């Protein structure tokens, strides 16, 4: 990031000699008068932000048992709100952690990649072994110790002891791989897991019993099962009743739609689509809005709707409109995403820890928050061992020890997650002579945190040229902005820069994500 200055070349040279810092970190700034004026409207409130998160599937079952130095480094990158001696963030401060409640496929050999199998708490005699999933439980405790306030337990499949085919994936792809006779047992399993984790000191905030129910899940690539909407409703009703009897505080979230369009239309899955109206319209026979433990949230995954940019925008507009029209007041959670497949502008195959996938994901986060009005945004694999763009952190594929590596994508998510804390609220942003919702240029969004008396603005420059902006506030004021940049340079991983006077222009470098934090006067 650079600022407009009136320093002479000689003084600027001296600043370099004596400080060893870049121009952007040393130069005094003077007020600018740019035509590219961005206005933050603090009184025009939008959605409340609940969380930014990621999941422990599948790698954390092993990384969580690695030597302390390695697993603690991964946990710090994901959860820490601390800083080093230079003020650089030690981590991205995730506010929610997703715990994969395993189906027990690790005891079988029918899922090809053993790293995608999971241990399970349920034993064949339907009693429990709470020593299982030790590596994942370590990460839950590490998250809580570092201040993560929300834990979510999700399943990809019911326990293999309860499924129709005794496996953690489907045989026919047409219906749930758990029969009606086991609905109560499955619900009791989830309630028991929730109760045990609470007793262990890591209580779940949410339970998510269904994952991407639109897919058939007949392959043996990972755990999974389809569900019809009627099956989701029936199991949810039983689980809600059990949680009420046990007086648990955990909330149920549904329905982790495989694509966002399944939230508002049937598409190609007539019995598994239209999930907003199916579950949250009082006129629907599948209405869950009056269940005491069902959260007033509809969740979906951003896969396969991100490119081209026109599709990304139009799908999210339809999500927003459907939620606005729902008779039951709802929030939308984007609850899972990674760069997947060949339909993306950035292809999923091939590990890349650089700025290109980081910018691509930042662009998606921006649109999920500003167009779909997402109240939460969650990534898929917190730690990956694959040659794929699916991880925030990458690790060696060794069960007992290895190296861990961060990525620009990790820190780009941190441009949001570290600074936009639960309870912050998005506010309107407008601009003159510059498009601040340009999917191939500048994208800007702002958030007010009344508790911390703070305004956070995230600006993405997707383009290949720097952009100059001035920022004005309506409904309040700040004296200065503290910038943090994630860019292509090796050290630009939420790198803190010197504060900028609020009246000065800001130059946003090309191909970068910049977060500006200002304390309200």
Protein backbone atom coordinates (compact mmCIF):
# COMPACT_ATOMS: atom_id res chain seq x y z
CA UNK A 1 0.00 0.00 0.00
CA UNK A 2 1.23 3.51 -0.83
CA UNK A 3 0.04 6.94 0.25
CA UNK A 4 0.30 10.28 -1.54
CA UNK A 5 3.07 12.38 0.03
CA UNK A 6 4.78 15.73 -0.17
CA UNK A 7 8.15 14.43 1.03
CA UNK A 8 11.08 15.47 -1.12
CA UNK A 9 13.19 12.79 -2.84
CA UNK A 10 16.10 13.59 -0.48
CA UNK A 11 14.01 13.17 2.66
CA UNK A 12 12.46 10.02 1.27
CA UNK A 13 15.92 8.62 0.58
CA UNK A 14 16.96 9.41 4.14
CA UNK A 15 13.86 7.67 5.43
CA UNK A 16 14.90 4.54 3.57
CA UNK A 17 18.49 4.73 4.81
CA UNK A 18 17.69 5.21 8.48
CA UNK A 19 14.61 3.05 8.81
CA UNK A 20 15.13 0.26 6.32
CA UNK A 21 11.37 0.36 5.69
CA UNK A 22 9.37 0.78 2.53
CA UNK A 23 7.91 4.09 1.41
CA UNK A 24 4.41 2.97 2.39
CA UNK A 25 5.53 2.38 5.96
CA UNK A 26 7.57 5.54 6.51
CA UNK A 27 6.20 8.40 4.47
CA UNK A 28 4.19 11.17 6.08
CA UNK A 29 0.91 11.70 4.27
CA UNK A 30 -1.09 14.79 3.42
CA UNK A 31 -4.80 15.14 2.78
CA UNK A 32 -5.78 14.26 -0.76
CA UNK A 33 -8.69 15.30 -2.95
CA UNK A 34 -9.51 12.32 -5.12
CA UNK A 35 -12.57 11.85 -7.29
CA UNK A 36 -12.72 8.19 -6.24
CA UNK A 37 -14.55 8.81 -2.99
CA UNK A 38 -15.94 5.90 -0.97
CA UNK A 39 -18.57 6.62 1.69
CA UNK A 40 -19.28 4.29 4.63
CA UNK A 41 -22.83 4.76 5.92
CA UNK A 42 -22.66 3.69 9.56
CA UNK A 43 -26.39 4.18 10.10
CA UNK A 44 -27.40 1.95 7.18
CA UNK A 45 -27.20 -1.43 8.89
CA UNK A 46 -27.31 -4.79 7.11
CA UNK A 47 -26.82 -8.34 8.48
CA UNK A 48 -25.12 -9.20 11.76
CA UNK A 49 -22.01 -11.31 11.27
CA UNK A 50 -22.03 -14.48 13.38
CA UNK A 51 -18.81 -16.29 12.49
CA UNK A 52 -16.00 -17.18 10.15
CA UNK A 53 -14.99 -20.82 10.37
CA UNK A 54 -13.37 -23.93 8.92
CA UNK A 55 -13.61 -27.68 9.48
CA UNK A 56 -11.33 -30.35 10.93
CA UNK A 57 -12.13 -32.87 8.19
CA UNK A 58 -10.23 -35.04 7.52
CA UNK A 59 -6.61 -34.29 8.27
CA UNK A 60 -6.92 -33.08 11.85
CA UNK A 61 -7.52 -36.62 13.07
CA UNK A 62 -3.79 -37.15 12.44
CA UNK A 63 -2.31 -33.65 12.75
CA UNK A 64 -3.97 -33.36 16.17
CA UNK A 65 -1.72 -36.18 17.44
CA UNK A 66 1.51 -34.79 15.95
CA UNK A 67 4.27 -33.33 18.17
CA UNK A 68 3.20 -30.25 20.11
CA UNK A 69 5.25 -27.76 18.10
CA UNK A 70 3.62 -28.80 14.81
CA UNK A 71 0.01 -29.05 15.96
CA UNK A 72 0.26 -25.87 18.01
CA UNK A 73 1.62 -23.99 15.00
CA UNK A 74 -1.40 -25.09 12.96
CA UNK A 75 -3.77 -24.15 15.79
CA UNK A 76 -2.14 -20.74 16.20
CA UNK A 77 -2.48 -19.97 12.50
CA UNK A 78 -6.16 -20.90 12.61
CA UNK A 79 -7.32 -19.52 15.95
CA UNK A 80 -4.86 -17.09 17.52
CA UNK A 81 -5.70 -13.43 18.06
CA UNK A 82 -2.17 -12.74 19.32
CA UNK A 83 0.57 -10.68 17.66
CA UNK A 84 4.34 -10.95 17.41
CA UNK A 85 6.73 -8.24 18.64
CA UNK A 86 6.18 -6.27 15.41
CA UNK A 87 2.41 -6.33 15.67
CA UNK A 88 1.96 -8.98 12.98
CA UNK A 89 -0.98 -11.32 13.63
CA UNK A 90 -0.03 -14.83 14.71
CA UNK A 91 -3.26 -16.23 13.30
CA UNK A 92 -6.53 -15.46 11.57
CA UNK A 93 -8.76 -15.69 14.66
CA UNK A 94 -11.49 -18.01 13.40
CA UNK A 95 -14.63 -17.60 15.50
CA UNK A 96 -16.19 -21.00 14.73
CA UNK A 97 -14.70 -24.49 14.44
CA UNK A 98 -16.47 -27.33 12.66
CA UNK A 99 -15.98 -30.78 14.24
CA UNK A 100 -16.69 -33.76 11.98
CA UNK A 101 -18.62 -36.32 14.04
CA UNK A 102 -17.29 -39.50 12.46
CA UNK A 103 -19.32 -42.40 11.11
CA UNK A 104 -16.73 -45.03 12.03
CA UNK A 105 -15.52 -45.88 8.52
CA UNK A 106 -11.94 -46.09 9.81
CA UNK A 107 -12.80 -49.56 11.13
CA UNK A 108 -13.59 -50.63 7.56
CA UNK A 109 -11.58 -50.56 4.34
CA UNK A 110 -14.27 -49.68 1.80
CA UNK A 111 -13.39 -45.97 1.47
CA UNK A 112 -10.34 -45.90 -0.75
CA UNK A 113 -8.33 -43.10 0.87
CA UNK A 114 -7.85 -43.93 4.55
CA UNK A 115 -7.30 -40.23 5.31
CA UNK A 116 -10.96 -39.70 4.34
CA UNK A 117 -12.20 -42.34 6.74
CA UNK A 118 -13.18 -41.34 10.26
CA UNK A 119 -13.23 -42.96 13.63
CA UNK A 120 -16.56 -43.11 15.42
CA UNK A 121 -17.66 -42.93 19.04
CA UNK A 122 -20.34 -45.61 18.57
CA UNK A 123 -19.32 -49.24 19.06
CA UNK A 124 -20.94 -52.30 17.50
CA UNK A 125 -22.83 -53.02 20.73
CA UNK A 126 -24.22 -49.44 20.54
CA UNK A 127 -22.23 -48.27 23.56
CA UNK A 128 -19.60 -45.53 23.30
CA UNK A 129 -15.85 -45.26 23.20
CA UNK A 130 -15.18 -41.61 24.00
CA UNK A 131 -11.43 -42.02 23.47
CA UNK A 132 -11.97 -42.00 19.70
CA UNK A 133 -11.34 -38.99 17.44
CA UNK A 134 -8.57 -37.88 19.81
CA UNK A 135 -6.75 -35.72 17.25
CA UNK A 136 -9.92 -33.87 16.34
CA UNK A 137 -10.87 -33.39 19.97
CA UNK A 138 -7.40 -31.91 20.58
CA UNK A 139 -8.15 -29.26 17.96
CA UNK A 140 -11.50 -28.50 19.62
CA UNK A 141 -9.74 -27.83 22.91
CA UNK A 142 -7.02 -25.84 21.13
CA UNK A 143 -9.69 -23.70 19.50
CA UNK A 144 -11.43 -23.04 22.79
CA UNK A 145 -8.15 -22.24 24.56
CA UNK A 146 -7.41 -19.62 21.89
CA UNK A 147 -10.78 -17.94 22.28
CA UNK A 148 -13.00 -19.62 19.67
CA UNK A 149 -16.50 -19.17 21.07
CA UNK A 150 -18.52 -21.39 18.72
CA UNK A 151 -18.19 -25.11 17.97
CA UNK A 152 -20.31 -26.94 15.41
CA UNK A 153 -20.63 -30.71 15.15
CA UNK A 154 -21.49 -32.00 11.68
CA UNK A 155 -21.95 -35.45 10.20
CA UNK A 156 -21.42 -36.67 6.66
CA UNK A 157 -23.04 -40.03 7.43
CA UNK A 158 -24.79 -41.63 10.38
CA UNK A 159 -22.65 -44.21 12.23
CA UNK A 160 -22.07 -47.35 10.18
CA UNK A 161 -23.81 -49.35 12.93
CA UNK A 162 -27.05 -47.54 12.01
CA UNK A 163 -26.89 -47.36 8.21
CA UNK A 164 -28.89 -49.58 5.89
CA UNK A 165 -25.86 -51.09 4.17
CA UNK A 166 -23.46 -51.01 7.13
CA UNK A 167 -21.25 -48.52 5.27
CA UNK A 168 -20.64 -44.78 5.48
CA UNK A 169 -21.80 -44.15 1.90
CA UNK A 170 -24.97 -44.93 -0.03
CA UNK A 171 -25.80 -47.99 -2.11
CA UNK A 172 -28.64 -46.58 -4.22
CA UNK A 173 -28.30 -42.79 -3.97
CA UNK A 174 -32.06 -42.31 -3.83
CA UNK A 175 -32.81 -42.10 -0.13
CA UNK A 176 -31.17 -41.73 3.25
CA UNK A 177 -28.77 -44.51 4.19
CA UNK A 178 -30.49 -44.73 7.57
CA UNK A 179 -33.91 -46.34 7.86
CA UNK A 180 -36.88 -45.03 9.81
CA UNK A 181 -36.33 -47.73 12.43
CA UNK A 182 -33.02 -46.06 13.30
CA UNK A 183 -34.11 -42.41 13.26
CA UNK A 184 -34.42 -42.39 17.05
CA UNK A 185 -31.07 -44.16 17.49
CA UNK A 186 -29.37 -41.67 15.15
CA UNK A 187 -30.92 -38.71 16.96
CA UNK A 188 -29.93 -40.20 20.32
CA UNK A 189 -26.37 -40.68 19.05
CA UNK A 190 -26.15 -36.98 18.11
CA UNK A 191 -27.65 -35.89 21.42
CA UNK A 192 -25.27 -38.16 23.35
CA UNK A 193 -22.25 -36.80 21.46
CA UNK A 194 -23.37 -33.26 22.21
CA UNK A 195 -23.84 -34.09 25.90
CA UNK A 196 -20.45 -35.80 26.18
CA UNK A 197 -18.56 -32.97 24.49
CA UNK A 198 -20.23 -30.53 26.87
CA UNK A 199 -19.10 -32.65 29.81
CA UNK A 200 -15.59 -32.73 28.30
CA UNK A 201 -15.47 -28.93 28.32
CA UNK A 202 -16.03 -28.28 24.61
CA UNK A 203 -19.80 -27.78 24.30
CA UNK A 204 -21.28 -27.60 20.83
CA UNK A 205 -23.11 -24.44 19.85
CA UNK A 206 -24.65 -26.14 16.81
CA UNK A 207 -25.43 -29.61 15.46
CA UNK A 208 -25.59 -30.08 11.69
CA UNK A 209 -26.91 -33.62 11.04
CA UNK A 210 -27.12 -33.45 7.22
CA UNK A 211 -24.47 -32.62 4.64
CA UNK A 212 -25.10 -31.94 0.95
CA UNK A 213 -28.25 -34.09 0.86
CA UNK A 214 -28.73 -33.47 -2.87
CA UNK A 215 -25.75 -35.60 -3.88
CA UNK A 216 -26.20 -39.35 -4.31
CA UNK A 217 -23.05 -40.35 -2.39
CA UNK A 218 -22.81 -43.77 -4.05
CA UNK A 219 -19.05 -43.62 -4.58
CA UNK A 220 -16.53 -44.75 -2.01
CA UNK A 221 -14.50 -41.53 -2.09
CA UNK A 222 -15.70 -40.29 1.29
CA UNK A 223 -18.49 -40.57 3.85
CA UNK A 224 -21.89 -39.29 2.74
CA UNK A 225 -25.58 -40.00 2.31
CA UNK A 226 -28.43 -38.38 0.38
CA UNK A 227 -31.59 -37.22 2.14
CA UNK A 228 -35.00 -36.30 0.86
CA UNK A 229 -36.52 -33.25 2.50
CA UNK A 230 -39.10 -35.52 4.16
CA UNK A 231 -36.29 -37.54 5.75
CA UNK A 232 -34.51 -34.41 6.97
CA UNK A 233 -37.74 -33.22 8.55
CA UNK A 234 -38.47 -36.54 10.27
CA UNK A 235 -34.99 -36.89 11.79
CA UNK A 236 -34.91 -33.23 12.81
CA UNK A 237 -38.24 -33.59 14.61
CA UNK A 238 -36.96 -36.55 16.62
CA UNK A 239 -33.66 -34.83 17.43
CA UNK A 240 -35.42 -31.63 18.47
CA UNK A 241 -37.61 -33.61 20.87
CA UNK A 242 -34.65 -35.45 22.41
CA UNK A 243 -32.67 -32.25 22.94
CA UNK A 244 -35.69 -30.70 24.65
CA UNK A 245 -36.10 -33.68 26.98
CA UNK A 246 -32.39 -33.50 27.85
CA UNK A 247 -32.57 -29.72 28.28
CA UNK A 248 -29.57 -29.15 26.01
CA UNK A 249 -28.80 -25.70 24.65
CA UNK A 250 -27.34 -26.80 21.31
CA UNK A 251 -29.10 -25.57 18.16
CA UNK A 252 -29.81 -27.67 15.04
CA UNK A 253 -28.81 -26.15 11.71
CA UNK A 254 -30.14 -27.32 8.36
CA UNK A 255 -29.59 -28.20 5.61
CA UNK A 256 -26.03 -27.69 4.24
CA UNK A 257 -27.33 -27.60 0.64
CA UNK A 258 -24.82 -28.89 -1.91
CA UNK A 259 -25.35 -25.82 -4.13
CA UNK A 260 -26.98 -22.52 -3.29
CA UNK A 261 -29.70 -22.84 -5.91
CA UNK A 262 -31.15 -25.85 -4.05
CA UNK A 263 -32.15 -23.38 -1.35
CA UNK A 264 -34.63 -21.57 -3.61
CA UNK A 265 -35.49 -23.99 -6.45
CA UNK A 266 -36.00 -27.69 -7.09
CA UNK A 267 -33.49 -27.71 -9.95
CA UNK A 268 -32.62 -31.33 -10.76
CA UNK A 269 -33.56 -32.66 -7.30
CA UNK A 270 -37.32 -32.33 -6.99
CA UNK A 271 -37.51 -34.02 -3.57
CA UNK A 272 -34.39 -32.36 -2.17
CA UNK A 273 -34.65 -28.73 -3.31
CA UNK A 274 -36.56 -25.55 -2.40
CA UNK A 275 -35.25 -25.94 1.12
CA UNK A 276 -36.01 -22.41 2.31
CA UNK A 277 -39.73 -22.73 1.62
CA UNK A 278 -39.88 -26.42 2.49
CA UNK A 279 -38.45 -26.01 6.00
CA UNK A 280 -39.32 -22.43 6.92
CA UNK A 281 -42.75 -21.72 5.44
CA UNK A 282 -45.61 -22.38 7.91
CA UNK A 283 -47.70 -23.58 4.96
CA UNK A 284 -45.26 -26.44 4.32
CA UNK A 285 -45.92 -29.88 5.87
CA UNK A 286 -42.17 -29.96 6.57
CA UNK A 287 -42.11 -26.71 8.55
CA UNK A 288 -39.37 -26.72 11.22
CA UNK A 289 -39.60 -23.08 12.25
CA UNK A 290 -41.60 -23.95 15.37
CA UNK A 291 -39.09 -26.54 16.63
CA UNK A 292 -37.47 -25.11 19.74
CA UNK A 293 -33.94 -26.31 18.90
CA UNK A 294 -33.91 -25.52 15.18
CA UNK A 295 -31.87 -22.40 14.51
CA UNK A 296 -33.48 -19.76 12.30
CA UNK A 297 -30.69 -20.29 9.80
CA UNK A 298 -30.56 -21.91 6.38
CA UNK A 299 -27.12 -23.11 5.32
CA UNK A 300 -25.72 -23.85 1.90
CA UNK A 301 -22.43 -24.38 0.10
CA UNK A 302 -21.02 -22.04 -2.53
CA UNK A 303 -19.68 -24.81 -4.78
CA UNK A 304 -20.43 -24.76 -8.53
CA UNK A 305 -21.97 -21.26 -8.47
CA UNK A 306 -18.86 -19.08 -8.47
CA UNK A 307 -18.09 -18.65 -12.16
CA UNK A 308 -18.55 -16.81 -14.37
CA UNK A 309 -18.90 -13.67 -12.27
CA UNK A 310 -22.39 -12.98 -13.61
CA UNK A 311 -23.57 -16.37 -12.32
CA UNK A 312 -21.91 -15.77 -8.97
CA UNK A 313 -23.87 -12.54 -8.55
CA UNK A 314 -27.23 -13.73 -9.88
CA UNK A 315 -27.35 -16.90 -7.74
CA UNK A 316 -26.59 -14.89 -4.61
CA UNK A 317 -29.21 -12.32 -5.47
CA UNK A 318 -31.76 -15.13 -5.66
CA UNK A 319 -30.65 -16.51 -2.29
CA UNK A 320 -31.10 -13.07 -0.74
CA UNK A 321 -34.52 -12.59 -2.35
CA UNK A 322 -35.76 -16.02 -1.25
CA UNK A 323 -34.70 -15.39 2.35
CA UNK A 324 -36.28 -11.93 2.31
CA UNK A 325 -39.55 -13.46 1.12
CA UNK A 326 -39.54 -16.31 3.67
CA UNK A 327 -42.39 -16.01 6.21
CA UNK A 328 -39.96 -17.01 8.97
CA UNK A 329 -37.13 -14.51 9.61
CA UNK A 330 -33.96 -16.30 8.54
CA UNK A 331 -30.22 -15.84 8.38
CA UNK A 332 -28.08 -17.41 5.67
CA UNK A 333 -24.83 -19.24 6.44
CA UNK A 334 -22.36 -20.08 3.68
CA UNK A 335 -21.18 -23.16 5.51
CA UNK A 336 -18.66 -24.82 3.20
CA UNK A 337 -16.44 -23.98 0.26
CA UNK A 338 -13.10 -24.75 -1.32
CA UNK A 339 -11.92 -24.27 -4.89
CA UNK A 340 -13.38 -27.36 -6.52
CA UNK A 341 -13.30 -28.81 -10.01
CA UNK A 342 -12.71 -27.40 -13.47
CA UNK A 343 -15.71 -25.08 -13.73
CA UNK A 344 -13.96 -22.42 -11.66
CA UNK A 345 -11.96 -19.56 -13.15
CA UNK A 346 -9.20 -20.86 -10.88
CA UNK A 347 -9.05 -24.65 -11.20
CA UNK A 348 -9.19 -26.85 -8.13
CA UNK A 349 -6.40 -29.23 -9.08
CA UNK A 350 -2.86 -28.36 -8.06
CA UNK A 351 -1.75 -27.01 -4.70
CA UNK A 352 -1.09 -23.26 -4.83
CA UNK A 353 -0.19 -21.31 -1.69
CA UNK A 354 0.14 -18.01 -3.59
CA UNK A 355 -2.02 -14.95 -4.12
CA UNK A 356 -4.13 -16.14 -7.10
CA UNK A 357 -6.41 -18.56 -5.20
CA UNK A 358 -6.40 -16.17 -2.23
CA UNK A 359 -7.83 -13.36 -4.33
CA UNK A 360 -10.33 -15.70 -5.94
CA UNK A 361 -11.68 -16.81 -2.57
CA UNK A 362 -11.67 -13.25 -1.19
CA UNK A 363 -13.82 -12.23 -4.16
CA UNK A 364 -16.29 -14.99 -3.31
CA UNK A 365 -16.39 -14.04 0.37
CA UNK A 366 -17.15 -10.46 -0.66
CA UNK A 367 -20.11 -11.51 -2.80
CA UNK A 368 -21.46 -14.02 -0.27
CA UNK A 369 -21.43 -11.26 2.36
CA UNK A 370 -22.61 -8.31 0.27
CA UNK A 371 -25.00 -9.93 -2.23
CA UNK A 372 -26.32 -13.06 -0.49
CA UNK A 373 -26.15 -11.27 2.89
CA UNK A 374 -24.37 -14.21 4.52
CA UNK A 375 -24.18 -13.98 8.30
CA UNK A 376 -21.41 -16.60 8.43
CA UNK A 377 -18.74 -17.88 6.07
CA UNK A 378 -16.99 -21.24 6.53
CA UNK A 379 -14.15 -22.93 4.64
CA UNK A 380 -13.90 -26.69 4.05
CA UNK A 381 -10.52 -28.27 4.95
CA UNK A 382 -8.60 -26.25 7.50
CA UNK A 383 -5.62 -28.55 6.88
CA UNK A 384 -5.06 -30.41 3.60
CA UNK A 385 -2.58 -33.07 2.56
CA UNK A 386 -3.62 -33.03 -1.10
CA UNK A 387 -2.29 -31.54 -4.33
CA UNK A 388 -5.41 -29.41 -4.50
CA UNK A 389 -6.63 -25.92 -3.65
CA UNK A 390 -8.67 -27.12 -0.69
CA UNK A 391 -6.59 -26.15 2.35
CA UNK A 392 -5.86 -23.11 4.44
CA UNK A 393 -2.84 -24.97 5.80
CA UNK A 394 -0.96 -27.79 4.07
CA UNK A 395 0.70 -30.72 5.80
CA UNK A 396 2.76 -33.75 4.86
CA UNK A 397 0.67 -36.88 4.39
CA UNK A 398 2.24 -38.68 7.34
CA UNK A 399 0.22 -39.91 10.29
CA UNK A 400 2.68 -39.24 13.10
CA UNK A 401 4.78 -36.20 12.14
CA UNK A 402 5.63 -33.86 9.31
CA UNK A 403 5.79 -30.26 8.19
CA UNK A 404 2.96 -27.71 8.15
CA UNK A 405 2.80 -24.78 5.73
CA UNK A 406 0.57 -21.71 5.65
CA UNK A 407 -0.88 -20.14 2.51
CA UNK A 408 -1.93 -16.76 1.18
CA UNK A 409 -5.48 -18.11 1.20
CA UNK A 410 -5.27 -18.58 4.97
CA UNK A 411 -4.27 -14.95 5.48
CA UNK A 412 -6.80 -13.66 2.94
CA UNK A 413 -9.57 -15.27 4.97
CA UNK A 414 -7.94 -13.60 7.96
CA UNK A 415 -8.49 -10.20 6.35
CA UNK A 416 -12.12 -10.89 7.27
CA UNK A 417 -12.13 -13.37 10.16
CA UNK A 418 -9.59 -11.71 12.44
CA UNK A 419 -11.15 -8.25 12.36
CA UNK A 420 -14.88 -8.82 11.79
CA UNK A 421 -15.85 -10.40 15.07
CA UNK A 422 -19.16 -12.07 16.01
CA UNK A 423 -21.79 -9.40 16.53
CA UNK A 424 -20.31 -6.92 14.07
CA UNK A 425 -22.78 -5.62 11.50
CA UNK A 426 -22.29 -4.91 7.84
CA UNK A 427 -23.07 -1.34 6.79
CA UNK A 428 -23.76 0.19 3.40
CA UNK A 429 -20.90 1.48 1.27
CA UNK A 430 -21.30 3.76 -1.74
CA UNK A 431 -18.79 5.43 -4.03
CA UNK A 432 -18.38 8.16 -6.63
CA UNK A 433 -16.55 7.52 -9.90
CA UNK A 434 -15.39 4.05 -8.89
CA UNK A 435 -17.19 0.72 -8.91
CA UNK A 436 -16.58 -0.88 -5.51
CA UNK A 437 -18.41 -4.08 -6.47
CA UNK A 438 -16.32 -4.87 -9.54
CA UNK A 439 -15.58 -8.60 -9.58
CA UNK A 440 -12.49 -7.92 -11.68
CA UNK A 441 -11.43 -4.72 -9.93
CA UNK A 442 -12.17 -3.06 -6.59
CA UNK A 443 -14.52 -4.69 -4.07
CA UNK A 444 -15.17 -3.01 -0.72
CA UNK A 445 -17.32 -3.80 2.31
CA UNK A 446 -17.52 -2.29 5.80
CA UNK A 447 -18.58 -3.50 9.25
CA UNK A 448 -19.30 -1.72 12.51
CA UNK A 449 -18.65 -3.34 15.88
CA UNK A 450 -20.59 -1.45 18.53
CA UNK A 451 -19.02 -3.46 21.36
CA UNK A 452 -15.45 -2.72 20.29
CA UNK A 453 -16.39 0.74 18.95
CA UNK A 454 -14.61 -0.13 15.74
CA UNK A 455 -15.13 0.08 11.99
CA UNK A 456 -13.51 -2.50 9.71
CA UNK A 457 -13.30 -2.07 5.94
CA UNK A 458 -12.03 -4.80 3.63
CA UNK A 459 -10.92 -3.74 0.15
CA UNK A 460 -9.95 -6.25 -2.54
CA UNK A 461 -8.06 -5.10 -5.61
CA UNK A 462 -8.52 -7.93 -8.09
CA UNK A 463 -7.07 -5.92 -10.94
CA UNK A 464 -3.57 -5.42 -12.30
CA UNK A 465 -3.32 -1.71 -11.48
CA UNK A 466 -3.26 0.10 -8.16
CA UNK A 467 -6.34 2.11 -7.21
CA UNK A 468 -6.57 5.36 -5.26
CA UNK A 469 -9.47 5.92 -2.87
CA UNK A 470 -10.56 8.39 -0.26
CA UNK A 471 -12.82 7.13 2.52
CA UNK A 472 -15.47 9.17 4.27
CA UNK A 473 -17.79 8.16 7.10
CA UNK A 474 -21.38 9.21 7.60
CA UNK A 475 -22.90 8.71 11.05
CA UNK A 476 -19.56 8.69 12.87
CA UNK A 477 -15.86 9.31 12.50
CA UNK A 478 -12.43 7.80 12.99
CA UNK A 479 -9.15 9.64 13.32
CA UNK A 480 -7.03 7.08 11.51
CA UNK A 481 -7.00 3.68 9.85
CA UNK A 482 -4.69 0.80 10.73
CA UNK A 483 -4.02 -1.21 7.54
CA UNK A 484 -3.20 -4.90 7.14
CA UNK A 485 -2.28 -6.23 3.71
CA UNK A 486 -2.24 -9.68 2.15
CA UNK A 487 -0.47 -9.53 -1.18
CA UNK A 488 1.93 -11.37 -3.45
CA UNK A 489 5.11 -10.42 -1.58
CA UNK A 490 6.46 -13.09 0.74
CA UNK A 491 5.99 -11.02 3.90
CA UNK A 492 2.51 -9.72 3.01
CA UNK A 493 0.52 -12.15 5.17
CA UNK A 494 -1.77 -9.77 7.06
CA UNK A 495 1.26 -7.50 7.26
CA UNK A 496 0.55 -4.46 9.47
CA UNK A 497 1.44 -1.05 8.05
CA UNK A 498 1.67 2.37 9.66
CA UNK A 499 -1.57 4.12 10.53
CA UNK A 500 -3.10 6.47 7.97
CA UNK A 501 -4.84 9.71 8.85
CA UNK A 502 -8.52 9.32 8.06
CA UNK A 503 -8.59 12.34 5.72
CA UNK A 504 -5.80 11.02 3.49
CA UNK A 505 -6.06 9.11 0.26
CA UNK A 506 -5.18 5.44 0.16
CA UNK A 507 -3.55 3.61 -2.72
CA UNK A 508 -4.64 -0.04 -2.82
CA UNK A 509 -1.88 -2.07 -4.53
CA UNK A 510 -2.78 -4.32 -7.42
CA UNK A 511 -3.69 -7.94 -6.66
CA UNK A 512 -4.07 -7.46 -2.92
CA UNK A 513 -6.53 -7.58 -0.02
CA UNK A 514 -6.34 -4.71 2.47
CA UNK A 515 -8.18 -4.48 5.79
CA UNK A 516 -8.52 -1.06 7.42
CA UNK A 517 -9.40 -0.89 11.12
CA UNK A 518 -10.53 2.36 12.69
CA UNK A 519 -11.56 3.17 16.25
CA UNK A 520 -14.72 5.26 16.45
CA UNK A 521 -14.32 8.69 18.03
